[in-house]
Amino acid sequence: MKKAMRKVNDDINVLIVKSSIRARIILKKSLVIRDERGEFGIGSIISVAIGLIVGAFVLIPGARVFATTVLDDMKSWWGTNIKSTLFPIN
């Protein structure tokens, strides 16, 4: 009886180990498939996020300063050149 119980116990342990190995193999295969499919998408999303952050903190304030400078120069050009030439005050 002890030999039969030991045999059943050994068989159960073998089945547990085999199923554990199969589960690991299936999990590894599914993770590899996910990595290959999603790697480009995740990289693209991260790249877009970095681009938006750089644009928000670097380029937009620089564009604002540039626009302010252009408008100030246009005001002074209009006031000194065009306005005085086209609409002289006598």
N, C-alpha and C. Protein backbone atom coordinates (compact mmCIF):
# COMPACT_ATOMS: atom_id res chain seq x y z
N MET A 1 0.81 -1.19 0.00
CA MET A 1 0.00 0.00 0.00
C MET A 1 0.86 1.26 0.00
N LYS A 2 1.94 1.25 0.78
CA LYS A 2 2.81 2.41 0.82
C LYS A 2 3.45 2.66 -0.54
N LYS A 3 3.82 1.57 -1.23
CA LYS A 3 4.43 1.72 -2.55
C LYS A 3 3.43 2.32 -3.53
N ALA A 4 2.20 1.91 -3.43
CA ALA A 4 1.16 2.43 -4.33
C ALA A 4 0.91 3.91 -4.05
N MET A 5 0.87 4.29 -2.78
CA MET A 5 0.68 5.70 -2.43
C MET A 5 1.87 6.54 -2.86
N ARG A 6 3.08 5.98 -2.69
CA ARG A 6 4.27 6.69 -3.11
C ARG A 6 4.28 6.88 -4.63
N LYS A 7 3.83 5.84 -5.36
CA LYS A 7 3.76 5.92 -6.81
C LYS A 7 2.77 6.98 -7.25
N VAL A 8 1.61 7.04 -6.61
CA VAL A 8 0.60 8.05 -6.93
C VAL A 8 1.14 9.44 -6.61
N ASN A 9 1.79 9.56 -5.46
CA ASN A 9 2.37 10.84 -5.06
C ASN A 9 3.44 11.28 -6.05
N ASP A 10 4.29 10.36 -6.46
CA ASP A 10 5.32 10.68 -7.45
C ASP A 10 4.70 11.09 -8.78
N ASP A 11 3.66 10.37 -9.20
CA ASP A 11 2.98 10.71 -10.46
C ASP A 11 2.35 12.11 -10.39
N ILE A 12 1.77 12.42 -9.25
CA ILE A 12 1.16 13.75 -9.08
C ILE A 12 2.24 14.82 -9.13
N ASN A 13 3.36 14.58 -8.46
CA ASN A 13 4.46 15.55 -8.49
C ASN A 13 4.99 15.74 -9.90
N VAL A 14 5.11 14.67 -10.66
CA VAL A 14 5.57 14.78 -12.05
C VAL A 14 4.59 15.60 -12.88
N LEU A 15 3.29 15.35 -12.68
CA LEU A 15 2.28 16.12 -13.41
C LEU A 15 2.33 17.60 -13.05
N ILE A 16 2.52 17.88 -11.77
CA ILE A 16 2.61 19.28 -11.33
C ILE A 16 3.81 19.96 -11.96
N VAL A 17 4.95 19.30 -11.96
CA VAL A 17 6.16 19.88 -12.54
C VAL A 17 5.99 20.08 -14.04
N LYS A 18 5.44 19.08 -14.73
CA LYS A 18 5.24 19.19 -16.17
C LYS A 18 4.28 20.33 -16.51
N SER A 19 3.18 20.42 -15.75
CA SER A 19 2.22 21.49 -16.04
C SER A 19 2.82 22.85 -15.73
N SER A 20 3.65 22.92 -14.69
CA SER A 20 4.32 24.17 -14.37
C SER A 20 5.27 24.57 -15.50
N ILE A 21 6.00 23.62 -16.03
CA ILE A 21 6.92 23.90 -17.14
C ILE A 21 6.14 24.34 -18.37
N ARG A 22 5.04 23.66 -18.66
CA ARG A 22 4.21 24.05 -19.81
C ARG A 22 3.64 25.45 -19.64
N ALA A 23 3.19 25.76 -18.44
CA ALA A 23 2.65 27.09 -18.18
C ALA A 23 3.72 28.16 -18.37
N ARG A 24 4.93 27.90 -17.92
CA ARG A 24 6.03 28.86 -18.11
C ARG A 24 6.34 29.06 -19.58
N ILE A 25 6.35 27.95 -20.34
CA ILE A 25 6.64 28.05 -21.77
C ILE A 25 5.55 28.86 -22.48
N ILE A 26 4.30 28.60 -22.17
CA ILE A 26 3.20 29.34 -22.78
C ILE A 26 3.27 30.81 -22.40
N LEU A 27 3.56 31.10 -21.15
CA LEU A 27 3.67 32.47 -20.69
C LEU A 27 4.80 33.19 -21.40
N LYS A 28 5.96 32.54 -21.53
CA LYS A 28 7.09 33.16 -22.22
C LYS A 28 6.75 33.43 -23.68
N LYS A 29 6.08 32.49 -24.34
CA LYS A 29 5.72 32.70 -25.74
C LYS A 29 4.74 33.86 -25.88
N SER A 30 3.77 33.94 -24.98
CA SER A 30 2.80 35.03 -25.09
C SER A 30 3.46 36.37 -24.80
N LEU A 31 4.41 36.42 -23.88
CA LEU A 31 5.11 37.67 -23.60
C LEU A 31 5.98 38.09 -24.78
N VAL A 32 6.61 37.13 -25.45
CA VAL A 32 7.43 37.45 -26.61
C VAL A 32 6.56 38.00 -27.72
N ILE A 33 5.39 37.41 -27.95
CA ILE A 33 4.50 37.91 -28.99
C ILE A 33 4.04 39.32 -28.64
N ARG A 34 3.70 39.57 -27.40
CA ARG A 34 3.27 40.91 -27.00
C ARG A 34 4.40 41.91 -27.18
N ASP A 35 5.61 41.54 -26.83
CA ASP A 35 6.74 42.45 -26.97
C ASP A 35 6.99 42.80 -28.42
N GLU A 36 6.93 41.80 -29.31
CA GLU A 36 7.20 42.07 -30.71
C GLU A 36 6.11 42.95 -31.32
N ARG A 37 4.87 42.72 -30.97
CA ARG A 37 3.77 43.49 -31.54
C ARG A 37 3.69 44.89 -30.96
N GLY A 38 3.87 45.03 -29.66
CA GLY A 38 3.64 46.30 -29.00
C GLY A 38 4.86 47.18 -28.85
N GLU A 39 6.03 46.67 -29.20
CA GLU A 39 7.26 47.44 -28.99
C GLU A 39 7.26 48.73 -29.80
N PHE A 40 6.88 48.66 -31.06
CA PHE A 40 6.89 49.85 -31.91
C PHE A 40 5.84 50.85 -31.43
N GLY A 41 4.67 50.37 -31.04
CA GLY A 41 3.61 51.26 -30.59
C GLY A 41 3.98 51.99 -29.32
N ILE A 42 4.56 51.28 -28.38
CA ILE A 42 4.95 51.91 -27.12
C ILE A 42 6.08 52.92 -27.36
N GLY A 43 7.03 52.57 -28.21
CA GLY A 43 8.11 53.51 -28.56
C GLY A 43 7.57 54.76 -29.22
N SER A 44 6.58 54.60 -30.08
CA SER A 44 5.98 55.75 -30.75
C SER A 44 5.24 56.65 -29.77
N ILE A 45 4.52 56.05 -28.86
CA ILE A 45 3.78 56.84 -27.87
C ILE A 45 4.74 57.62 -26.98
N ILE A 46 5.82 56.98 -26.57
CA ILE A 46 6.81 57.67 -25.74
C ILE A 46 7.47 58.80 -26.52
N SER A 47 7.77 58.58 -27.80
CA SER A 47 8.39 59.62 -28.62
C SER A 47 7.46 60.82 -28.78
N VAL A 48 6.20 60.58 -29.01
CA VAL A 48 5.24 61.67 -29.15
C VAL A 48 5.12 62.44 -27.83
N ALA A 49 5.09 61.72 -26.72
CA ALA A 49 5.00 62.38 -25.42
C ALA A 49 6.22 63.26 -25.17
N ILE A 50 7.40 62.76 -25.50
CA ILE A 50 8.62 63.56 -25.32
C ILE A 50 8.58 64.78 -26.22
N GLY A 51 8.12 64.61 -27.45
CA GLY A 51 8.01 65.75 -28.36
C GLY A 51 7.07 66.81 -27.84
N LEU A 52 5.93 66.40 -27.28
CA LEU A 52 4.99 67.37 -26.74
C LEU A 52 5.56 68.10 -25.53
N ILE A 53 6.28 67.38 -24.70
CA ILE A 53 6.88 68.00 -23.52
C ILE A 53 7.94 69.02 -23.94
N VAL A 54 8.79 68.64 -24.88
CA VAL A 54 9.82 69.57 -25.37
C VAL A 54 9.16 70.79 -26.01
N GLY A 55 8.12 70.56 -26.79
CA GLY A 55 7.42 71.68 -27.43
C GLY A 55 6.79 72.61 -26.42
N ALA A 56 6.23 72.04 -25.38
CA ALA A 56 5.54 72.87 -24.39
C ALA A 56 6.51 73.71 -23.57
N PHE A 57 7.66 73.15 -23.24
CA PHE A 57 8.56 73.86 -22.34
C PHE A 57 9.67 74.63 -23.03
N VAL A 58 9.96 74.33 -24.29
CA VAL A 58 11.08 74.97 -24.96
C VAL A 58 10.63 75.82 -26.13
N LEU A 59 9.92 75.23 -27.06
CA LEU A 59 9.60 75.93 -28.30
C LEU A 59 8.49 76.95 -28.16
N ILE A 60 7.46 76.66 -27.41
CA ILE A 60 6.33 77.58 -27.31
C ILE A 60 6.72 78.90 -26.62
N PRO A 61 7.44 78.88 -25.50
CA PRO A 61 7.87 80.16 -24.94
C PRO A 61 8.82 80.92 -25.87
N GLY A 62 9.67 80.21 -26.60
CA GLY A 62 10.55 80.86 -27.58
C GLY A 62 9.75 81.49 -28.70
N ALA A 63 8.69 80.83 -29.14
CA ALA A 63 7.84 81.38 -30.19
C ALA A 63 7.09 82.61 -29.67
N ARG A 64 6.73 82.60 -28.42
CA ARG A 64 6.05 83.76 -27.85
C ARG A 64 6.97 84.97 -27.80
N VAL A 65 8.20 84.76 -27.41
CA VAL A 65 9.17 85.85 -27.40
C VAL A 65 9.41 86.36 -28.82
N PHE A 66 9.52 85.44 -29.77
CA PHE A 66 9.72 85.82 -31.17
C PHE A 66 8.54 86.64 -31.68
N ALA A 67 7.32 86.20 -31.39
CA ALA A 67 6.13 86.92 -31.85
C ALA A 67 6.05 88.30 -31.21
N THR A 68 6.39 88.40 -29.95
CA THR A 68 6.37 89.70 -29.27
C THR A 68 7.39 90.64 -29.90
N THR A 69 8.57 90.13 -30.20
CA THR A 69 9.61 90.94 -30.83
C THR A 69 9.16 91.41 -32.21
N VAL A 70 8.57 90.52 -32.98
CA VAL A 70 8.10 90.89 -34.33
C VAL A 70 7.02 91.96 -34.23
N LEU A 71 6.06 91.80 -33.32
CA LEU A 71 4.99 92.79 -33.20
C LEU A 71 5.52 94.14 -32.72
N ASP A 72 6.45 94.15 -31.79
CA ASP A 72 7.04 95.41 -31.34
C ASP A 72 7.79 96.11 -32.47
N ASP A 73 8.53 95.34 -33.25
CA ASP A 73 9.25 95.92 -34.38
C ASP A 73 8.29 96.45 -35.44
N MET A 74 7.19 95.75 -35.67
CA MET A 74 6.19 96.22 -36.64
C MET A 74 5.54 97.51 -36.15
N LYS A 75 5.26 97.62 -34.84
CA LYS A 75 4.68 98.84 -34.30
C LYS A 75 5.62 100.02 -34.48
N SER A 76 6.89 99.80 -34.17
CA SER A 76 7.85 100.90 -34.31
C SER A 76 8.06 101.25 -35.79
N TRP A 77 8.08 100.27 -36.66
CA TRP A 77 8.23 100.53 -38.10
C TRP A 77 7.03 101.30 -38.63
N TRP A 78 5.82 100.89 -38.19
CA TRP A 78 4.61 101.58 -38.63
C TRP A 78 4.61 103.02 -38.11
N GLY A 79 4.98 103.20 -36.87
CA GLY A 79 4.94 104.54 -36.28
C GLY A 79 5.99 105.48 -36.86
N THR A 80 7.18 104.98 -37.13
CA THR A 80 8.25 105.87 -37.60
C THR A 80 8.27 106.01 -39.12
N ASN A 81 8.00 105.01 -39.87
CA ASN A 81 8.14 105.06 -41.33
C ASN A 81 6.81 105.29 -42.05
N ILE A 82 5.88 104.41 -41.91
CA ILE A 82 4.66 104.43 -42.70
C ILE A 82 3.72 105.55 -42.26
N LYS A 83 3.46 105.62 -40.98
CA LYS A 83 2.50 106.60 -40.47
C LYS A 83 2.97 108.02 -40.75
N SER A 84 4.24 108.28 -40.52
CA SER A 84 4.74 109.64 -40.74
C SER A 84 4.84 109.97 -42.23
N THR A 85 5.01 108.97 -43.08
CA THR A 85 5.12 109.23 -44.51
C THR A 85 3.72 109.37 -45.16
N LEU A 86 2.80 108.50 -44.84
CA LEU A 86 1.49 108.51 -45.44
C LEU A 86 0.55 109.54 -44.80
N PHE A 87 0.66 109.73 -43.52
CA PHE A 87 -0.23 110.63 -42.81
C PHE A 87 0.59 111.68 -42.04
N PRO A 88 1.22 112.58 -42.75
CA PRO A 88 2.05 113.58 -42.04
C PRO A 88 1.17 114.57 -41.26
N ILE A 89 1.63 114.95 -40.12
CA ILE A 89 0.93 115.93 -39.30
C ILE A 89 1.64 117.26 -39.51
N ASN A 90 0.90 118.25 -40.05
CA ASN A 90 1.49 119.57 -40.32
C ASN A 90 1.09 120.55 -39.29
